[in-house]
N, C-alpha and C. Protein backbone atom coordinates (compact mmCIF):
# COMPACT_ATOMS: atom_id res chain seq x y z
N MET A 1 0.33 33.70 -21.00
CA MET A 1 -1.10 33.55 -20.63
C MET A 1 -1.20 32.80 -19.13
N LYS A 2 -1.86 33.31 -18.38
CA LYS A 2 -2.03 32.85 -16.77
C LYS A 2 -2.55 31.15 -16.44
N LEU A 3 -2.45 30.88 -16.11
CA LEU A 3 -3.08 29.19 -15.57
C LEU A 3 -3.65 29.25 -14.59
N SER A 4 -4.96 29.09 -14.45
CA SER A 4 -5.88 29.02 -13.37
C SER A 4 -5.70 28.63 -11.92
N PHE A 5 -5.30 28.69 -10.59
CA PHE A 5 -5.37 28.48 -9.82
C PHE A 5 -5.42 27.15 -9.56
N PRO A 6 -6.86 26.20 -10.11
CA PRO A 6 -6.44 24.86 -9.65
C PRO A 6 -6.12 24.03 -11.14
N PHE A 7 -5.69 24.44 -11.53
CA PHE A 7 -4.79 24.10 -12.72
C PHE A 7 -3.03 23.76 -12.52
N ARG A 8 -2.75 25.13 -11.79
CA ARG A 8 -1.80 24.85 -11.14
C ARG A 8 -1.46 24.22 -9.75
N ILE A 9 -2.30 24.55 -8.91
CA ILE A 9 -2.55 23.40 -7.93
C ILE A 9 -2.45 22.01 -8.18
N TYR A 10 -3.24 21.33 -8.89
CA TYR A 10 -3.17 20.14 -9.48
C TYR A 10 -1.68 20.28 -10.04
N LEU A 11 -1.06 20.72 -10.77
CA LEU A 11 0.70 20.65 -11.40
C LEU A 11 1.42 20.45 -10.22
N ILE A 12 1.44 21.32 -9.07
CA ILE A 12 2.09 21.16 -7.88
C ILE A 12 1.93 20.01 -7.10
N ALA A 13 0.51 19.26 -7.06
CA ALA A 13 -0.04 18.19 -6.65
C ALA A 13 0.73 17.00 -7.15
N LEU A 14 0.52 17.23 -8.49
CA LEU A 14 1.61 16.19 -9.21
C LEU A 14 2.91 15.98 -9.12
N VAL A 15 3.78 16.96 -9.27
CA VAL A 15 4.80 17.28 -9.04
C VAL A 15 5.25 16.61 -7.49
N LEU A 16 4.69 17.11 -6.68
CA LEU A 16 4.85 16.84 -5.48
C LEU A 16 4.65 14.91 -5.06
N ARG A 17 4.01 14.57 -5.95
CA ARG A 17 3.44 13.01 -5.81
C ARG A 17 4.36 11.96 -6.56
N LEU A 18 4.54 12.87 -7.50
CA LEU A 18 5.70 12.31 -8.38
C LEU A 18 6.96 11.21 -7.67
N ILE A 19 7.34 12.22 -6.95
CA ILE A 19 8.78 12.23 -6.24
C ILE A 19 8.80 11.13 -5.32
N PRO A 20 7.91 10.43 -4.82
CA PRO A 20 7.94 9.32 -4.01
C PRO A 20 7.82 8.30 -5.02
N VAL A 21 6.98 8.20 -6.21
CA VAL A 21 6.45 7.42 -6.84
C VAL A 21 7.86 6.98 -7.84
N LEU A 22 8.88 8.30 -7.97
CA LEU A 22 9.72 7.78 -8.52
C LEU A 22 11.14 7.44 -8.09
N LEU A 23 10.93 8.03 -6.81
CA LEU A 23 12.33 7.47 -6.21
C LEU A 23 12.09 5.87 -5.70
N THR A 24 10.93 5.03 -5.77
CA THR A 24 10.78 4.03 -5.18
C THR A 24 9.69 3.11 -6.34
N ARG A 25 11.36 3.43 -7.83
CA ARG A 25 10.35 2.52 -8.80
C ARG A 25 10.47 1.33 -8.87
N SER A 26 11.42 1.07 -8.10
CA SER A 26 11.93 -1.02 -7.90
C SER A 26 11.23 -1.40 -7.08
N LEU A 27 10.00 -0.57 -6.09
CA LEU A 27 9.33 -1.37 -4.99
C LEU A 27 8.19 -2.21 -6.05
N GLY A 28 8.11 -3.16 -5.28
CA GLY A 28 6.95 -4.34 -5.76
C GLY A 28 5.93 -4.21 -4.62
N ILE A 29 4.96 -4.55 -4.26
CA ILE A 29 3.84 -5.01 -3.34
C ILE A 29 4.19 -5.80 -2.06
N GLY A 30 3.48 -5.44 -0.98
CA GLY A 30 3.60 -5.94 -0.07
C GLY A 30 2.44 -7.30 -0.03
N LEU A 31 1.94 -8.52 0.76
CA LEU A 31 1.65 -9.69 0.49
C LEU A 31 0.23 -9.25 1.01
N ASP A 32 -0.67 -8.32 1.42
CA ASP A 32 -1.83 -8.18 1.59
C ASP A 32 -2.83 -7.84 0.93
N ASP A 33 -3.92 -6.77 1.24
CA ASP A 33 -4.87 -6.31 0.52
C ASP A 33 -4.45 -5.76 -0.80
N MET A 34 -2.69 -5.24 -0.97
CA MET A 34 -2.46 -5.02 -2.37
C MET A 34 -2.15 -6.27 -3.38
N PHE A 35 -1.64 -7.31 -2.25
CA PHE A 35 -1.64 -8.72 -3.15
C PHE A 35 -2.70 -9.21 -3.57
N GLN A 36 -4.04 -8.69 -3.29
CA GLN A 36 -5.48 -9.46 -3.56
C GLN A 36 -5.66 -8.93 -4.76
N TYR A 37 -5.73 -6.97 -5.11
CA TYR A 37 -6.26 -6.65 -5.76
C TYR A 37 -5.33 -6.86 -7.20
N ASP A 38 -3.92 -6.97 -7.11
CA ASP A 38 -3.00 -7.06 -8.04
C ASP A 38 -3.64 -8.64 -8.68
N MET A 39 -3.68 -9.58 -7.67
CA MET A 39 -4.26 -10.82 -8.60
C MET A 39 -5.48 -10.64 -9.44
N LEU A 40 -6.65 -9.88 -8.77
CA LEU A 40 -7.90 -9.90 -9.59
C LEU A 40 -7.43 -8.91 -11.05
N ALA A 41 -6.73 -7.56 -10.61
CA ALA A 41 -6.52 -6.99 -11.94
C ALA A 41 -5.53 -7.66 -13.23
N ARG A 42 -4.81 -8.61 -12.61
CA ARG A 42 -4.19 -9.62 -13.65
C ARG A 42 -5.16 -10.33 -14.42
N SER A 43 -6.01 -10.90 -13.51
CA SER A 43 -6.59 -11.99 -14.04
C SER A 43 -7.68 -11.37 -15.35
N LEU A 44 -8.35 -10.38 -14.78
CA LEU A 44 -9.51 -9.37 -15.60
C LEU A 44 -8.67 -9.28 -16.20
N ALA A 45 -7.31 -8.11 -16.36
CA ALA A 45 -6.62 -7.75 -18.00
C ALA A 45 -6.39 -8.87 -18.87
N ALA A 46 -5.92 -10.30 -18.29
CA ALA A 46 -5.86 -11.66 -19.01
C ALA A 46 -7.20 -11.80 -20.01
N GLY A 47 -8.44 -11.38 -19.24
CA GLY A 47 -9.43 -11.64 -19.81
C GLY A 47 -9.77 -13.23 -19.09
N ASN A 48 -9.86 -13.36 -17.96
CA ASN A 48 -9.46 -14.37 -17.32
C ASN A 48 -10.80 -14.67 -15.85
N GLY A 49 -11.46 -13.15 -16.16
CA GLY A 49 -12.37 -13.19 -15.22
C GLY A 49 -12.47 -12.67 -13.92
N PHE A 50 -12.63 -12.50 -12.77
CA PHE A 50 -12.58 -12.01 -10.95
C PHE A 50 -12.19 -13.16 -10.62
N ARG A 51 -11.01 -13.81 -10.76
CA ARG A 51 -10.71 -14.75 -10.35
C ARG A 51 -8.34 -14.27 -9.64
N TRP A 52 -8.76 -15.13 -8.31
CA TRP A 52 -7.56 -15.04 -7.56
C TRP A 52 -7.13 -16.28 -6.72
N TYR A 53 -5.56 -16.06 -6.78
CA TYR A 53 -5.28 -17.35 -6.19
C TYR A 53 -4.95 -18.45 -7.36
N ALA A 54 -4.32 -18.06 -8.18
CA ALA A 54 -3.30 -19.31 -9.36
C ALA A 54 -2.46 -19.70 -8.63
N GLN A 55 -2.08 -21.37 -9.29
CA GLN A 55 -0.85 -21.76 -8.53
C GLN A 55 0.59 -20.71 -8.75
N VAL A 56 0.36 -19.93 -9.73
CA VAL A 56 1.42 -19.02 -9.43
C VAL A 56 1.75 -18.28 -8.39
N ASP A 57 0.51 -17.94 -8.12
CA ASP A 57 0.64 -16.66 -6.94
C ASP A 57 0.57 -17.66 -5.80
N LEU A 58 -0.16 -18.67 -5.53
CA LEU A 58 0.10 -19.78 -4.29
C LEU A 58 1.11 -20.07 -3.95
N LYS A 59 2.06 -20.28 -5.05
CA LYS A 59 3.84 -20.25 -4.81
C LYS A 59 4.76 -19.16 -4.28
N GLN A 60 4.17 -17.59 -4.67
CA GLN A 60 4.75 -16.70 -4.06
C GLN A 60 3.82 -16.92 -2.37
N LEU A 61 3.20 -17.22 -1.95
CA LEU A 61 3.04 -17.11 -0.54
C LEU A 61 3.19 -18.59 -0.08
N GLU A 62 4.10 -19.46 -0.30
CA GLU A 62 4.26 -20.99 0.20
C GLU A 62 5.02 -20.29 1.11
N PRO A 63 5.72 -19.36 1.17
CA PRO A 63 6.93 -19.07 2.47
C PRO A 63 6.32 -18.74 3.62
N TYR A 64 5.01 -17.90 3.31
CA TYR A 64 4.16 -17.21 4.34
C TYR A 64 3.13 -18.18 5.25
N VAL A 65 2.02 -18.66 4.20
CA VAL A 65 1.12 -19.51 4.33
C VAL A 65 1.04 -20.90 4.01
N ASP A 66 0.42 -21.58 4.44
CA ASP A 66 0.53 -22.94 4.12
C ASP A 66 -0.82 -23.28 3.97
N PHE A 67 -1.57 -23.18 2.63
CA PHE A 67 -2.80 -23.52 2.37
C PHE A 67 -3.01 -24.39 1.13
N ASP A 68 -3.98 -25.09 0.80
CA ASP A 68 -4.35 -25.89 -0.16
C ASP A 68 -5.40 -25.32 -1.20
N LEU A 69 -5.58 -24.93 -1.75
CA LEU A 69 -6.89 -24.58 -3.22
C LEU A 69 -7.03 -25.82 -4.12
N ALA A 70 -6.23 -26.63 -3.55
CA ALA A 70 -6.59 -27.83 -4.87
C ALA A 70 -8.20 -28.60 -4.89
N THR A 71 -8.52 -28.89 -3.56
CA THR A 71 -9.55 -29.06 -2.90
C THR A 71 -10.90 -28.44 -3.27
N ALA A 72 -10.77 -27.07 -3.28
CA ALA A 72 -11.76 -25.83 -3.61
C ALA A 72 -12.73 -26.54 -4.66
N LYS A 73 -13.83 -26.12 -4.11
CA LYS A 73 -15.09 -26.19 -5.25
C LYS A 73 -14.92 -25.15 -6.57
N GLY A 74 -14.46 -25.72 -7.91
CA GLY A 74 -14.09 -24.62 -8.86
C GLY A 74 -13.27 -23.94 -9.42
N TYR A 75 -11.83 -24.73 -8.32
CA TYR A 75 -10.84 -24.26 -8.37
C TYR A 75 -10.08 -24.97 -9.64
N ASP A 76 -9.32 -23.84 -10.21
CA ASP A 76 -8.39 -24.08 -11.56
C ASP A 76 -6.78 -23.34 -11.18
N PRO A 77 -6.37 -24.85 -10.92
CA PRO A 77 -4.79 -23.98 -10.75
C PRO A 77 -4.08 -23.21 -11.77
N LYS A 78 -4.57 -23.01 -13.21
CA LYS A 78 -3.81 -22.29 -14.22
C LYS A 78 -4.40 -20.55 -14.07
N TYR A 79 -5.65 -20.70 -13.64
CA TYR A 79 -6.55 -19.36 -13.57
C TYR A 79 -7.06 -18.90 -11.99
N GLY A 80 -7.56 -19.65 -11.50
CA GLY A 80 -7.41 -19.31 -10.13
C GLY A 80 -9.01 -19.89 -9.94
N LEU A 81 -9.15 -18.98 -8.74
CA LEU A 81 -11.03 -19.38 -8.02
C LEU A 81 -11.53 -18.03 -8.44
N TYR A 82 -12.92 -18.67 -8.88
CA TYR A 82 -13.94 -17.00 -8.96
C TYR A 82 -13.79 -16.71 -7.57
N THR A 83 -14.03 -15.35 -7.33
CA THR A 83 -14.54 -14.68 -6.03
C THR A 83 -15.60 -13.85 -6.36
N SER A 84 -15.67 -13.08 -5.00
CA SER A 84 -16.77 -11.76 -5.38
C SER A 84 -16.46 -11.34 -3.69
N PHE A 85 -15.06 -11.73 -2.97
CA PHE A 85 -14.73 -10.94 -1.98
C PHE A 85 -14.32 -9.50 -2.16
N ARG A 86 -13.80 -9.40 -2.71
CA ARG A 86 -13.66 -7.69 -3.13
C ARG A 86 -14.45 -7.06 -3.97
N ALA A 87 -14.59 -5.60 -3.89
CA ALA A 87 -15.82 -4.94 -4.71
C ALA A 87 -14.69 -4.82 -6.25
N PRO A 88 -15.26 -4.41 -7.30
CA PRO A 88 -15.18 -4.91 -8.40
C PRO A 88 -14.19 -3.51 -9.40
N LEU A 89 -14.35 -2.46 -8.67
CA LEU A 89 -13.89 -1.45 -9.13
C LEU A 89 -12.53 -0.96 -9.16
N TYR A 90 -12.11 -1.01 -8.04
CA TYR A 90 -10.45 -0.49 -8.10
C TYR A 90 -9.85 -1.84 -9.11
N PRO A 91 -10.00 -2.85 -8.45
CA PRO A 91 -9.30 -3.99 -9.50
C PRO A 91 -10.11 -3.83 -11.03
N ALA A 92 -11.16 -3.42 -11.43
CA ALA A 92 -10.69 -2.99 -12.87
C ALA A 92 -10.57 -1.82 -12.95
N PHE A 93 -9.61 -0.60 -12.63
CA PHE A 93 -9.49 0.34 -12.09
C PHE A 93 -7.64 -0.04 -12.70
N LEU A 94 -7.20 -0.66 -11.83
CA LEU A 94 -5.57 -1.33 -12.24
C LEU A 94 -5.55 -2.49 -13.36
N ALA A 95 -6.85 -3.13 -13.72
CA ALA A 95 -7.09 -4.05 -14.82
C ALA A 95 -6.64 -2.72 -16.53
N ILE A 96 -7.30 -1.98 -16.16
CA ILE A 96 -7.16 -1.27 -17.34
C ILE A 96 -5.66 -0.65 -17.65
N VAL A 97 -4.97 -0.50 -16.25
CA VAL A 97 -3.66 -0.06 -16.40
C VAL A 97 -2.76 -1.08 -16.77
N TYR A 98 -3.05 -2.25 -16.04
CA TYR A 98 -2.45 -3.24 -16.89
C TYR A 98 -2.43 -3.80 -18.38
N PHE A 99 -3.51 -3.56 -18.84
CA PHE A 99 -3.87 -3.78 -20.13
C PHE A 99 -3.09 -3.04 -21.01
N PHE A 100 -2.59 -1.79 -20.62
CA PHE A 100 -1.60 -1.11 -21.02
C PHE A 100 -0.22 -1.17 -20.81
N SER A 101 -0.02 -1.25 -20.01
CA SER A 101 1.55 -1.56 -19.07
C SER A 101 2.08 -3.14 -19.34
N GLY A 102 1.21 -4.10 -19.66
CA GLY A 102 1.27 -5.52 -19.06
C GLY A 102 1.56 -5.80 -17.90
N THR A 103 1.55 -7.09 -17.85
CA THR A 103 1.59 -7.65 -16.55
C THR A 103 2.82 -7.66 -15.80
N GLY A 104 4.48 -7.57 -16.17
CA GLY A 104 5.27 -7.52 -15.70
C GLY A 104 5.64 -6.91 -14.53
N PHE A 105 6.49 -6.88 -14.10
CA PHE A 105 7.10 -5.41 -13.03
C PHE A 105 7.13 -4.55 -12.73
N THR A 106 7.34 -4.00 -13.93
CA THR A 106 6.78 -2.16 -14.49
C THR A 106 5.42 -2.08 -14.03
N ARG A 107 4.49 -2.90 -14.05
CA ARG A 107 2.96 -3.01 -13.55
C ARG A 107 2.97 -2.02 -12.29
N PHE A 108 3.69 -2.31 -11.43
CA PHE A 108 3.36 -1.79 -10.23
C PHE A 108 3.79 -0.26 -10.31
N LEU A 109 4.97 0.48 -11.23
CA LEU A 109 5.19 2.04 -11.31
C LEU A 109 4.26 2.19 -12.51
N ALA A 110 3.66 1.39 -13.26
CA ALA A 110 2.64 1.94 -14.12
C ALA A 110 1.65 2.01 -13.14
N ALA A 111 0.86 1.58 -12.23
CA ALA A 111 -0.53 1.66 -11.56
C ALA A 111 -0.05 2.60 -10.25
N ARG A 112 1.20 2.67 -9.58
CA ARG A 112 1.41 4.08 -9.14
C ARG A 112 1.53 5.52 -10.17
N LEU A 113 2.11 5.70 -11.23
CA LEU A 113 2.00 6.59 -11.99
C LEU A 113 0.21 6.82 -12.08
N ALA A 114 -0.46 6.22 -12.51
CA ALA A 114 -2.45 6.67 -12.77
C ALA A 114 -2.38 6.87 -11.31
N HIS A 115 -2.33 6.42 -10.39
CA HIS A 115 -2.48 6.76 -9.06
C HIS A 115 -2.42 8.34 -8.70
N VAL A 116 -1.14 8.50 -9.43
CA VAL A 116 -0.72 10.01 -9.32
C VAL A 116 -1.45 10.92 -9.82
N VAL A 117 -1.57 10.67 -11.24
CA VAL A 117 -1.92 11.42 -12.41
C VAL A 117 -3.79 11.68 -12.25
N LEU A 118 -4.16 10.40 -11.86
CA LEU A 118 -5.52 10.29 -12.33
C LEU A 118 -6.55 10.36 -10.84
N LEU A 119 -5.61 9.84 -9.66
CA LEU A 119 -6.21 9.67 -8.63
C LEU A 119 -5.46 10.72 -7.31
N GLY A 120 -4.25 11.19 -7.07
CA GLY A 120 -3.95 11.62 -6.17
C GLY A 120 -3.68 12.98 -6.52
N ALA A 121 -3.23 13.56 -7.44
CA ALA A 121 -3.01 14.79 -7.88
C ALA A 121 -4.17 15.85 -7.84
N PRO A 122 -5.94 14.94 -8.11
CA PRO A 122 -6.95 15.40 -8.58
C PRO A 122 -7.26 16.16 -6.74
N LEU A 123 -6.67 15.55 -5.93
CA LEU A 123 -7.68 15.76 -4.85
C LEU A 123 -7.04 17.28 -4.37
N ALA A 124 -6.04 18.13 -4.69
CA ALA A 124 -6.09 19.26 -4.40
C ALA A 124 -6.82 20.08 -4.92
N PRO A 125 -7.10 20.10 -6.59
CA PRO A 125 -8.29 20.85 -6.91
C PRO A 125 -9.90 20.89 -6.76
N LEU A 126 -10.09 19.39 -6.69
CA LEU A 126 -11.26 19.28 -5.88
C LEU A 126 -11.43 19.55 -4.54
N THR A 127 -10.41 19.92 -3.91
CA THR A 127 -10.36 20.14 -2.77
C THR A 127 -10.99 21.83 -2.50
N TYR A 128 -10.30 22.39 -3.27
CA TYR A 128 -10.55 23.74 -3.99
C TYR A 128 -11.45 24.01 -4.11
N PHE A 129 -12.64 23.32 -5.35
CA PHE A 129 -13.59 23.44 -5.36
C PHE A 129 -14.59 22.85 -4.25
N VAL A 130 -14.54 21.82 -3.90
CA VAL A 130 -15.74 21.76 -2.55
C VAL A 130 -15.50 22.46 -1.38
N SER A 131 -14.64 23.21 -1.25
CA SER A 131 -14.14 24.05 0.07
C SER A 131 -14.95 25.50 -0.45
N LYS A 132 -14.40 25.64 -1.66
CA LYS A 132 -15.45 26.91 -2.53
C LYS A 132 -16.86 26.78 -1.91
N TYR A 133 -17.46 25.92 -2.50
CA TYR A 133 -18.73 25.77 -2.43
C TYR A 133 -19.10 25.47 -1.16
N PHE A 134 -18.30 24.78 -0.31
CA PHE A 134 -19.07 24.82 1.22
C PHE A 134 -18.89 25.76 1.66
N SER A 135 -17.62 26.85 1.71
CA SER A 135 -17.12 27.94 2.23
C SER A 135 -18.36 29.09 2.51
N SER A 136 -18.75 28.95 0.79
CA SER A 136 -20.00 29.95 0.43
C SER A 136 -21.03 30.18 1.08
N SER A 137 -21.51 29.07 2.20
CA SER A 137 -22.04 29.70 2.98
C SER A 137 -21.96 30.30 4.49
N LEU A 138 -20.60 30.02 4.80
CA LEU A 138 -19.65 31.00 5.62
C LEU A 138 -19.71 32.67 5.54
N PHE A 139 -19.09 32.17 4.14
CA PHE A 139 -18.52 33.54 3.93
C PHE A 139 -19.46 34.41 3.08
N CYS A 140 -19.22 36.08 3.17
CA CYS A 140 -20.08 36.32 2.43
C CYS A 140 -18.89 37.23 1.34
N ASP A 141 -18.13 37.38 1.42
CA ASP A 141 -16.84 38.39 1.50
C ASP A 141 -16.18 37.26 0.42
N GLU A 142 -15.89 37.40 -0.94
CA GLU A 142 -15.23 36.62 -1.71
C GLU A 142 -14.37 36.72 -1.40
N THR A 143 -13.45 37.11 -1.24
CA THR A 143 -12.06 37.25 -1.21
C THR A 143 -11.42 36.31 0.35
N LYS A 144 -12.33 36.31 1.16
CA LYS A 144 -12.30 35.17 1.88
C LYS A 144 -12.64 33.88 1.56
N LEU A 145 -13.79 33.80 0.87
CA LEU A 145 -13.95 33.12 0.08
C LEU A 145 -12.69 32.10 -0.54
N GLU A 146 -12.63 33.04 -1.23
CA GLU A 146 -10.75 32.43 -1.87
C GLU A 146 -10.08 31.87 -1.48
N LYS A 147 -9.73 32.74 -0.50
CA LYS A 147 -8.52 32.32 0.86
C LYS A 147 -8.54 31.16 1.12
N VAL A 148 -9.83 30.90 1.73
CA VAL A 148 -10.06 29.56 2.61
C VAL A 148 -10.08 28.16 1.75
N ALA A 149 -10.36 28.73 0.41
CA ALA A 149 -10.24 27.45 -1.11
C ALA A 149 -8.94 27.15 -0.92
N LYS A 150 -7.79 27.87 -1.58
CA LYS A 150 -7.01 28.26 -2.10
C LYS A 150 -5.77 27.12 -0.68
N VAL A 151 -6.04 28.23 0.82
CA VAL A 151 -5.23 27.15 1.68
C VAL A 151 -5.81 25.79 1.74
N SER A 152 -6.76 25.45 1.56
CA SER A 152 -7.36 24.28 1.71
C SER A 152 -6.99 23.19 1.05
N ALA A 153 -6.56 23.76 -0.46
CA ALA A 153 -6.05 23.02 -1.54
C ALA A 153 -4.81 22.89 -1.34
N TRP A 154 -3.89 24.17 -0.94
CA TRP A 154 -2.43 23.50 -0.48
C TRP A 154 -1.88 22.93 0.78
N ILE A 155 -3.48 22.78 1.37
CA ILE A 155 -2.79 21.49 2.42
C ILE A 155 -2.86 20.18 1.98
N VAL A 156 -3.82 19.62 1.47
CA VAL A 156 -3.89 18.50 0.81
C VAL A 156 -3.26 18.62 -0.61
N ALA A 157 -2.41 19.14 -1.21
CA ALA A 157 -1.67 19.27 -1.92
C ALA A 157 -0.11 18.96 -1.24
N CYS A 158 0.46 19.43 -0.29
CA CYS A 158 1.34 19.23 0.74
C CYS A 158 1.46 18.35 1.47
N TYR A 159 -0.07 17.79 2.22
CA TYR A 159 -0.18 17.08 3.24
C TYR A 159 0.80 15.65 3.04
N PRO A 160 1.77 15.26 4.01
CA PRO A 160 2.81 14.30 3.52
C PRO A 160 2.31 13.31 2.90
N MET A 161 1.51 12.54 4.24
CA MET A 161 0.85 10.93 4.30
C MET A 161 0.20 10.91 2.75
N LEU A 162 -0.28 12.05 2.21
CA LEU A 162 -1.41 12.01 0.86
C LEU A 162 -0.13 11.80 -0.16
N LEU A 163 1.02 12.19 -0.36
CA LEU A 163 1.93 12.37 -0.84
C LEU A 163 2.53 11.06 -1.34
N VAL A 164 2.21 9.97 -0.11
CA VAL A 164 2.93 8.78 -0.57
C VAL A 164 1.84 7.76 -0.45
N TYR A 165 0.46 8.11 -0.46
CA TYR A 165 -0.55 7.09 -0.56
C TYR A 165 -0.61 6.39 -2.01
N PRO A 166 -0.28 7.28 -3.21
CA PRO A 166 0.04 6.71 -4.13
C PRO A 166 0.77 5.48 -4.31
N LEU A 167 1.73 5.04 -3.80
CA LEU A 167 2.88 4.08 -3.05
C LEU A 167 1.89 2.64 -3.23
N GLY A 168 0.94 2.52 -2.56
CA GLY A 168 -0.10 1.75 -1.86
C GLY A 168 -1.29 1.29 -3.25
N LEU A 169 -1.42 0.44 -3.71
CA LEU A 169 -2.22 -0.44 -4.44
C LEU A 169 -3.89 -0.23 -3.47
N GLY A 170 -4.61 0.20 -2.96
CA GLY A 170 -4.92 0.38 -1.87
C GLY A 170 -6.61 1.06 -2.76
N THR A 171 -7.52 0.70 -2.20
CA THR A 171 -8.62 1.08 -2.46
C THR A 171 -8.72 2.42 -2.04
N GLU A 172 -8.13 3.11 -0.91
CA GLU A 172 -8.23 4.35 -0.46
C GLU A 172 -8.03 5.40 -1.30
N ASN A 173 -6.99 5.25 -2.38
CA ASN A 173 -6.63 6.12 -3.29
C ASN A 173 -7.88 6.22 -4.20
N PRO A 174 -8.32 5.67 -4.89
CA PRO A 174 -9.72 6.12 -5.19
C PRO A 174 -11.27 6.84 -4.72
N PHE A 175 -10.91 6.37 -3.44
CA PHE A 175 -12.20 6.60 -2.35
C PHE A 175 -12.02 8.27 -2.06
N PHE A 176 -10.55 8.33 -1.50
CA PHE A 176 -10.69 9.79 -1.75
C PHE A 176 -11.02 10.73 -2.53
N VAL A 177 -10.36 10.53 -4.17
CA VAL A 177 -11.48 11.04 -4.96
C VAL A 177 -12.72 10.82 -5.12
N LEU A 178 -13.35 9.85 -5.38
CA LEU A 178 -14.84 9.68 -5.28
C LEU A 178 -15.53 10.47 -4.23
N LEU A 179 -15.26 10.37 -2.78
CA LEU A 179 -15.45 10.82 -2.29
C LEU A 179 -15.68 12.42 -2.12
N LEU A 180 -14.49 13.08 -2.54
CA LEU A 180 -14.52 14.40 -3.09
C LEU A 180 -15.63 14.94 -3.82
N ALA A 181 -15.19 13.70 -5.01
CA ALA A 181 -16.48 14.36 -6.32
C ALA A 181 -17.84 14.62 -5.73
N SER A 182 -18.30 13.53 -4.83
CA SER A 182 -19.77 13.48 -4.32
C SER A 182 -20.26 14.39 -3.78
N PHE A 183 -19.02 15.19 -2.89
CA PHE A 183 -19.84 16.15 -1.88
C PHE A 183 -19.93 17.09 -3.26
N LEU A 184 -18.62 17.39 -4.59
CA LEU A 184 -19.19 18.70 -5.01
C LEU A 184 -20.58 18.43 -6.11
N PHE A 185 -20.76 17.33 -6.72
CA PHE A 185 -21.78 16.89 -7.77
C PHE A 185 -23.17 16.72 -6.82
N SER A 186 -23.11 16.66 -5.55
CA SER A 186 -24.21 16.00 -4.87
C SER A 186 -24.54 17.37 -4.00
N ALA A 187 -24.21 18.49 -3.97
CA ALA A 187 -24.91 19.30 -3.53
C ALA A 187 -25.38 20.56 -4.42
């Protein structure tokens, strides 16, 4: 049985993205946006709502930032502060991953694996389909159309920066997939 090109390019993109994730399986996260998304996801996974900067999280920041939320209105040291500063989709995605993987240190590897399988590797076949659709207005020849779509998919499957994007817990990961899907499904 011969596998279709979109499925084969997905598998190749999957393997290529798994390599950096598995090589850095003990990698934590930085104290930037990733830290905030992680806090929100852990709070959601625990059923505490959209909160961040609980006392436990503030302890991690002590060496770098000096601020006290004890005087903030509605602050609960155990659960943190309600916020609407970040959009909810990506923290909700991470919360689902954390719900199944737990909130220990291995959550970072679980999140990165979810990025690879659900957000990173699908970029290549999505690029193939989007390229094929938009190239159809440029090329009448079916072989040229197929070639352009395949080359586009290969570029996305092998592009070095896209191979390491799953390492970061950031909104860029779902953004790329949602943007490509919007092109495909809005046309």
